Protein backbone atom coordinates (compact mmCIF):
# COMPACT_ATOMS: atom_id res chain seq x y z
CA UNK A 1 0.00 0.00 0.00
CA UNK A 2 1.15 3.54 -0.67
CA UNK A 3 1.90 5.74 2.33
CA UNK A 4 -0.50 8.37 0.97
CA UNK A 5 -3.41 5.97 1.39
CA UNK A 6 -2.37 4.45 4.68
CA UNK A 7 -4.31 5.41 7.78
CA UNK A 8 -2.99 7.95 10.27
CA UNK A 9 -4.03 7.88 13.92
CA UNK A 10 -3.68 11.03 16.02
CA UNK A 11 -4.82 10.49 19.59
CA UNK A 12 -8.22 8.78 19.23
CA UNK A 13 -8.90 10.02 15.70
CA UNK A 14 -8.00 7.80 12.74
CA UNK A 15 -7.75 9.40 9.31
CA UNK A 16 -8.55 7.18 6.36
CA UNK A 17 -5.57 8.50 4.38
CA UNK A 18 -2.95 11.29 4.55
CA UNK A 19 -4.73 13.90 2.39
CA UNK A 20 -6.05 16.90 4.34
CA UNK A 21 -8.09 19.82 3.04
CA UNK A 22 -6.25 23.03 3.83
CA UNK A 23 -8.10 25.98 5.36
CA UNK A 24 -9.09 28.17 2.41
CA UNK A 25 -10.86 31.49 2.90
CA UNK A 26 -14.10 31.69 0.94
CA UNK A 27 -15.07 35.25 1.91
CA UNK A 28 -18.72 34.22 1.62
CA UNK A 29 -20.28 34.60 5.08
CA UNK A 30 -22.78 37.08 6.42
CA UNK A 31 -21.96 38.04 10.02
CA UNK A 32 -19.76 34.96 10.32
CA UNK A 33 -22.46 32.38 9.59
CA UNK A 34 -21.80 29.27 7.52
CA UNK A 35 -24.23 28.83 4.63
CA UNK A 36 -24.96 26.65 1.61
CA UNK A 37 -21.72 27.70 -0.09
CA UNK A 38 -19.71 26.27 2.81
CA UNK A 39 -21.84 23.14 2.81
CA UNK A 40 -21.05 22.44 -0.83
CA UNK A 41 -17.43 23.62 -0.71
CA UNK A 42 -16.48 21.59 2.36
CA UNK A 43 -18.85 18.70 1.78
CA UNK A 44 -17.67 18.03 -1.75
CA UNK A 45 -14.09 17.56 -0.56
CA UNK A 46 -15.29 14.98 1.96
CA UNK A 47 -17.20 13.19 -0.81
CA UNK A 48 -14.03 13.39 -2.90
CA UNK A 49 -12.11 11.25 -0.45
CA UNK A 50 -10.04 13.61 1.70
CA UNK A 51 -9.30 12.32 5.18
CA UNK A 52 -9.92 15.58 7.05
CA UNK A 53 -11.74 18.72 5.99
CA UNK A 54 -10.61 21.86 7.79
CA UNK A 55 -12.66 25.04 7.54
CA UNK A 56 -11.18 28.32 6.46
CA UNK A 57 -9.53 30.63 9.01
CA UNK A 58 -12.52 31.09 11.31
CA UNK A 59 -12.60 34.24 13.39
CA UNK A 60 -12.74 33.95 17.16
CA UNK A 61 -13.91 37.57 17.44
CA UNK A 62 -15.87 39.79 15.07
CA UNK A 63 -13.01 42.28 14.79
CA UNK A 64 -10.55 39.43 14.22
CA UNK A 65 -11.93 38.66 10.76
CA UNK A 66 -9.67 39.09 7.76
CA UNK A 67 -12.64 40.43 5.79
CA UNK A 68 -16.20 41.34 6.74
CA UNK A 69 -17.26 38.16 4.90
CA UNK A 70 -15.14 35.70 6.91
CA UNK A 71 -16.52 32.63 8.65
CA UNK A 72 -16.85 33.10 12.40
CA UNK A 73 -17.28 31.24 15.64
CA UNK A 74 -17.45 34.09 18.12
CA UNK A 75 -21.09 33.52 19.10
CA UNK A 76 -23.17 30.49 20.05
CA UNK A 77 -25.52 31.07 17.12
CA UNK A 78 -22.69 30.10 14.76
CA UNK A 79 -22.70 26.53 16.05
CA UNK A 80 -25.75 24.96 14.42
CA UNK A 81 -25.01 25.91 10.77
CA UNK A 82 -21.52 24.48 11.26
CA UNK A 83 -22.91 21.36 12.93
CA UNK A 84 -25.02 20.59 9.84
CA UNK A 85 -21.92 20.75 7.65
CA UNK A 86 -19.78 18.74 10.06
CA UNK A 87 -22.40 16.00 10.25
CA UNK A 88 -22.33 15.66 6.48
CA UNK A 89 -18.53 15.58 6.39
CA UNK A 90 -18.47 12.81 8.99
CA UNK A 91 -21.13 10.85 7.13
CA UNK A 92 -18.79 10.74 4.14
CA UNK A 93 -16.01 9.18 6.23
CA UNK A 94 -13.91 12.34 6.66
CA UNK A 95 -13.01 14.10 9.90
CA UNK A 96 -14.33 17.65 10.33
CA UNK A 97 -12.06 20.30 11.77
CA UNK A 98 -11.61 24.04 12.03
CA UNK A 99 -8.80 26.56 11.99
CA UNK A 100 -9.32 29.13 14.75
CA UNK A 101 -7.92 32.51 13.80
CA UNK A 102 -7.52 36.17 14.59
CA UNK A 103 -6.31 38.45 11.81
CA UNK A 104 -4.61 41.02 14.03
CA UNK A 105 -3.31 44.00 12.08
CA UNK A 106 -4.39 42.39 8.79
CA UNK A 107 -8.09 42.54 9.75
CA UNK A 108 -10.80 44.50 7.93
CA UNK A 109 -9.62 43.96 4.37
CA UNK A 110 -11.57 43.56 1.16
CA UNK A 111 -12.08 40.24 -0.56
CA UNK A 112 -9.34 39.42 -3.10
CA UNK A 113 -11.64 39.95 -6.06
CA UNK A 114 -12.51 43.38 -4.62
CA UNK A 115 -8.91 44.54 -4.36
CA UNK A 116 -7.86 43.09 -1.00
CA UNK A 117 -6.93 46.42 0.58
CA UNK A 118 -8.19 47.81 3.87
CA UNK A 119 -11.92 48.42 4.24
CA UNK A 120 -12.84 51.75 5.81
CA UNK A 121 -15.29 52.00 8.68
CA UNK A 122 -17.72 53.91 6.46
CA UNK A 123 -17.70 50.96 4.04
CA UNK A 124 -18.44 48.29 6.63
CA UNK A 125 -14.93 47.74 7.96
CA UNK A 126 -13.34 48.58 11.29
CA UNK A 127 -10.04 49.79 12.67
CA UNK A 128 -7.96 46.79 13.79
CA UNK A 129 -7.28 47.16 17.50
CA UNK A 130 -5.30 43.99 18.06
CA UNK A 131 -1.58 43.76 17.30
CA UNK A 132 1.56 43.34 19.38
CA UNK A 133 2.78 46.78 18.25
CA UNK A 134 1.27 49.81 16.54
CA UNK A 135 2.76 49.06 13.12
CA UNK A 136 0.60 48.92 9.97
CA UNK A 137 1.02 46.01 7.58
CA UNK A 138 2.07 48.38 4.80
CA UNK A 139 1.89 52.15 4.22
CA UNK A 140 -1.71 53.27 3.71
CA UNK A 141 -3.19 50.54 5.87
CA UNK A 142 -4.81 51.18 9.24
CA UNK A 143 -2.45 51.46 12.18
CA UNK A 144 -3.51 49.02 14.89
CA UNK A 145 -3.36 49.73 18.59
CA UNK A 146 -0.74 47.82 20.58
CA UNK A 147 -2.54 45.35 22.79
CA UNK A 148 -2.76 45.77 26.54
CA UNK A 149 -2.55 42.87 28.98
CA UNK A 150 -6.35 43.01 29.17
CA UNK A 151 -6.59 42.78 25.37
CA UNK A 152 -4.30 39.76 25.35
CA UNK A 153 -6.31 38.01 28.07
CA UNK A 154 -9.51 38.72 26.13
CA UNK A 155 -8.14 37.18 22.93
CA UNK A 156 -6.96 34.07 24.77
CA UNK A 157 -10.44 33.74 26.26
CA UNK A 158 -11.92 34.12 22.77
CA UNK A 159 -9.83 31.22 21.43
CA UNK A 160 -10.88 29.12 24.42
CA UNK A 161 -14.56 29.89 23.90
CA UNK A 162 -14.27 29.22 20.17
CA UNK A 163 -12.80 25.77 20.85
CA UNK A 164 -15.75 24.99 23.13
CA UNK A 165 -18.17 26.01 20.37
CA UNK A 166 -16.24 23.95 17.82
CA UNK A 167 -16.63 20.90 20.02
CA UNK A 168 -20.37 21.58 20.35
CA UNK A 169 -20.61 21.77 16.55
CA UNK A 170 -19.05 18.32 16.19
CA UNK A 171 -15.54 19.34 15.21
CA UNK A 172 -12.90 16.72 15.90
CA UNK A 173 -9.71 18.55 14.91
CA UNK A 174 -8.78 22.04 16.09
CA UNK A 175 -6.02 24.03 14.44
CA UNK A 176 -4.62 27.30 15.78
CA UNK A 177 -3.63 29.79 13.10
CA UNK A 178 -0.19 31.13 14.03
CA UNK A 179 0.94 31.81 10.46
CA UNK A 180 0.68 34.20 7.50
CA UNK A 181 1.17 37.42 9.43
CA UNK A 182 -2.00 37.17 11.49
CA UNK A 183 -2.20 37.91 15.20
CA UNK A 184 -0.42 34.92 16.77
CA UNK A 185 2.30 35.07 14.13
CA UNK A 186 2.64 38.82 14.67
CA UNK A 187 3.68 38.12 18.24
CA UNK A 188 6.23 35.50 17.12
CA UNK A 189 8.04 37.68 14.59
CA UNK A 190 10.51 40.38 15.62
CA UNK A 191 9.46 42.22 12.46
CA UNK A 192 6.03 42.92 13.93
CA UNK A 193 6.59 42.52 17.67
CA UNK A 194 8.49 45.50 19.12
CA UNK A 195 7.17 45.10 22.65
CA UNK A 196 9.35 45.45 25.72
CA UNK A 197 7.08 43.63 28.18
CA UNK A 198 6.75 39.89 28.85
CA UNK A 199 5.20 39.37 25.40
CA UNK A 200 8.08 40.87 23.43
CA UNK A 201 11.82 40.97 22.99
CA UNK A 202 13.29 37.56 23.74
CA UNK A 203 12.28 34.34 22.01
CA UNK A 204 10.61 33.09 25.19
CA UNK A 205 8.55 36.27 25.42
CA UNK A 206 7.56 36.36 21.74
CA UNK A 207 6.24 32.78 21.83
CA UNK A 208 4.33 33.35 25.08
CA UNK A 209 0.98 34.22 23.46
CA UNK A 210 1.05 31.14 21.20
CA UNK A 211 1.86 28.91 24.18
CA UNK A 212 -0.76 30.57 26.40
CA UNK A 213 -3.38 30.20 23.68
CA UNK A 214 -2.45 26.56 23.15
CA UNK A 215 -2.78 25.94 26.88
CA UNK A 216 -6.18 27.63 26.97
CA UNK A 217 -7.52 25.61 24.04
CA UNK A 218 -6.03 22.33 25.21
CA UNK A 219 -7.71 22.86 28.60
CA UNK A 220 -11.17 22.69 26.99
CA UNK A 221 -10.35 20.49 23.99
CA UNK A 222 -10.71 16.80 24.94
CA UNK A 223 -7.52 14.77 25.36
CA UNK A 224 -8.87 12.27 22.84
CA UNK A 225 -8.93 14.84 20.01
CA UNK A 226 -6.04 16.31 17.98
CA UNK A 227 -4.75 19.84 18.31
CA UNK A 228 -2.74 21.25 15.41
CA UNK A 229 -0.89 24.53 15.01
CA UNK A 230 -0.22 26.16 11.65
CA UNK A 231 2.94 28.23 11.66
CA UNK A 232 4.92 30.20 9.13
CA UNK A 233 8.21 28.37 9.45
CA UNK A 234 10.09 31.42 8.17
CA UNK A 235 9.29 35.03 7.36
CA UNK A 236 11.62 34.83 4.33
CA UNK A 237 13.19 38.08 5.58
CA UNK A 238 16.54 38.64 7.26
CA UNK A 239 16.16 39.17 11.01
CA UNK A 240 12.60 37.82 10.87
CA UNK A 241 11.14 34.64 12.31
CA UNK A 242 13.30 31.67 11.29
CA UNK A 243 13.13 27.92 10.78
CA UNK A 244 15.41 27.41 13.79
CA UNK A 245 12.95 29.33 15.96
CA UNK A 246 10.12 27.28 14.47
CA UNK A 247 11.83 24.07 15.52
CA UNK A 248 12.30 25.39 19.05
CA UNK A 249 8.65 26.52 19.17
CA UNK A 250 7.47 23.12 17.90
CA UNK A 251 9.28 21.40 20.78
CA UNK A 252 7.48 23.67 23.26
CA UNK A 253 4.14 23.14 21.56
CA UNK A 254 4.56 19.38 21.72
CA UNK A 255 5.08 19.69 25.48
CA UNK A 256 1.86 21.74 25.70
CA UNK A 257 -0.25 19.08 24.00
CA UNK A 258 0.00 19.98 20.32
CA UNK A 259 -0.01 16.97 18.01
CA UNK A 260 0.77 18.29 14.51
CA UNK A 261 2.63 21.30 13.15
CA UNK A 262 1.12 22.47 9.86
CA UNK A 263 4.15 23.98 8.14
CA UNK A 264 3.53 27.01 5.94
CA UNK A 265 5.61 30.19 5.61
CA UNK A 266 5.59 33.92 4.96
CA UNK A 267 2.85 36.52 5.25
CA UNK A 268 4.38 38.81 7.85
CA UNK A 269 5.50 41.62 5.56
CA UNK A 270 4.61 42.39 1.94
CA UNK A 271 8.21 42.69 0.71
CA UNK A 272 9.32 39.12 1.52
CA UNK A 273 11.06 37.32 -1.33
CA UNK A 274 9.55 33.82 -1.30
CA UNK A 275 11.25 31.14 -3.38
CA UNK A 276 8.23 29.47 -4.95
CA UNK A 277 8.30 26.08 -6.60
CA UNK A 278 6.77 22.61 -6.34
CA UNK A 279 6.92 21.46 -2.73
CA UNK A 280 8.85 24.58 -1.73
CA UNK A 281 7.73 24.37 1.91
CA UNK A 282 8.24 20.62 2.37
CA UNK A 283 11.80 21.04 3.77
CA UNK A 284 10.34 23.01 6.69
CA UNK A 285 8.02 20.13 7.56
CA UNK A 286 10.92 17.69 7.24
CA UNK A 287 13.21 19.60 9.61
CA UNK A 288 10.55 20.25 12.21
CA UNK A 289 9.45 16.61 12.14
CA UNK A 290 13.01 15.36 12.51
CA UNK A 291 14.41 17.89 14.96
CA UNK A 292 11.35 18.58 17.14
CA UNK A 293 10.04 15.02 17.19
CA UNK A 294 6.46 15.99 16.34
CA UNK A 295 4.15 15.06 13.48
CA UNK A 296 4.07 17.57 10.64
CA UNK A 297 1.86 18.35 7.66
CA UNK A 298 3.43 19.59 4.44
CA UNK A 299 1.83 22.29 2.30
CA UNK A 300 2.70 24.38 -0.73
CA UNK A 301 2.37 23.50 -4.43
CA UNK A 302 1.84 19.79 -3.83
CA UNK A 303 -0.21 18.82 -6.86
CA UNK A 304 0.56 15.27 -7.99
CA UNK A 305 -0.07 11.86 -6.49
CA UNK A 306 3.53 10.70 -7.03
CA UNK A 307 4.84 13.93 -5.54
CA UNK A 308 2.66 13.57 -2.43
CA UNK A 309 3.61 9.93 -2.09
CA UNK A 310 7.31 10.75 -2.24
CA UNK A 311 7.00 13.39 0.51
CA UNK A 312 5.47 10.81 2.82
CA UNK A 313 7.64 7.89 1.70
CA UNK A 314 10.80 9.87 2.44
CA UNK A 315 9.54 10.75 5.91
CA UNK A 316 9.41 14.47 5.18
CA UNK A 317 5.94 14.78 6.71
CA UNK A 318 3.11 12.69 8.11
CA UNK A 319 0.38 14.18 5.91
CA UNK A 320 -0.04 16.50 2.96
CA UNK A 321 -2.35 19.50 3.06
CA UNK A 322 -3.80 20.56 -0.28
CA UNK A 323 -5.49 23.85 -1.11
CA UNK A 324 -5.61 25.09 -4.71
CA UNK A 325 -5.29 21.60 -6.13
CA UNK A 326 -8.46 20.61 -4.27
CA UNK A 327 -10.19 23.72 -5.60
CA UNK A 328 -9.33 22.56 -9.11
CA UNK A 329 -10.32 18.97 -8.39
CA UNK A 330 -12.42 18.15 -5.30
CA UNK A 331 -11.99 14.47 -6.18
CA UNK A 332 -8.19 14.59 -6.26
CA UNK A 333 -7.89 11.83 -3.62
CA UNK A 334 -9.93 9.46 -5.81
CA UNK A 335 -7.89 10.32 -8.88
CA UNK A 336 -4.66 9.91 -6.89
CA UNK A 337 -5.82 6.49 -5.71
CA UNK A 338 -6.40 5.42 -9.30
CA UNK A 339 -2.96 6.68 -10.30
CA UNK A 340 -1.30 4.78 -7.45
CA UNK A 341 -3.41 1.68 -8.10
CA UNK A 342 -4.96 1.86 -4.66
CA UNK A 343 -8.24 0.15 -3.88
CA UNK A 344 -10.08 3.08 -2.32
CA UNK A 345 -13.84 2.75 -2.33
CA UNK A 346 -15.67 5.83 -3.63
CA UNK A 347 -19.14 6.83 -2.48
CA UNK A 348 -21.59 4.32 -3.93
CA UNK A 349 -23.28 7.12 -5.85
CA UNK A 350 -20.01 7.72 -7.75
CA UNK A 351 -18.79 4.13 -8.05
CA UNK A 352 -19.39 4.02 -11.83
CA UNK A 353 -16.98 6.91 -12.31
CA UNK A 354 -14.15 5.47 -10.24
CA UNK A 355 -13.52 1.84 -11.19
CA UNK A 356 -11.70 -0.38 -8.71
CA UNK A 357 -8.10 -1.31 -9.64
CA UNK A 358 -7.32 -4.57 -11.30
CA UNK A 359 -5.71 -7.27 -9.20
């Protein structure tokens, strides 16, 4: 059997294969509520054979949304629409999960197809108030307010409450978003964190919010269920957050009850020079897995079945996380199984389209 289609057990959750649906912002919510778009978008990937389906970056507070149209989980009323979707995902044999997020200084921006820049208050946006330091993302963007100790405590509480709501909705994987220049990552990076208190300066201080948030979520998230953390393994900028710091953070996160590090990169500053190419972020997952002794998920321009299989066969990661490729082809896992001659049973409704391999 290929590694790609072998099962993966994390705590008490067993994934049917190693293909995970990456969080992908849909910018299609009204006041944070999931709707029919999310049902079809997420549900179709479960039908297509992915092992776990993770929602987009889901805001733990209303002002922590990337855009006014982001999915949210900051109020109890958000639970039931999500529960409907999660039930369907589970019925298809996939594991439902959610990425909990706060956009920090990159909040209140327009949808990509509407320009992606900051949205003014008069146009339905808001002034971001949460950031480690009062530094805008780029000239012309809103300048956030540096967070007080009370602000920090409030955000930690919001992540904790969001995890409780996720559990009530039927989620079985929680992922903390500490990547791509959003709030938790902003505290990690010396490019965005210029604080001089216990949340800034030294490595131990800059990682404090991520560790405190992990502790808060793990305290309410059952021991039987996985907790993942997505990080940007490097800022791709000199004197920014580095892969060596990511390895050290991963060791600490493992001690705090994290199970998987989802290894992305970049997003802190707009001028980063990122060396794009097939599998360009896989080496980060490989080093963190090897040197921190924790399971990792590899992301970034992984598009082919043989490519994904090689990543796992070489021990570079424990799972692959696909985004754009699953937008192009929701049934990529089924097509990959056919390419690798794996006997993976499709939904009975689609069995005529996906013939079983010959002996």
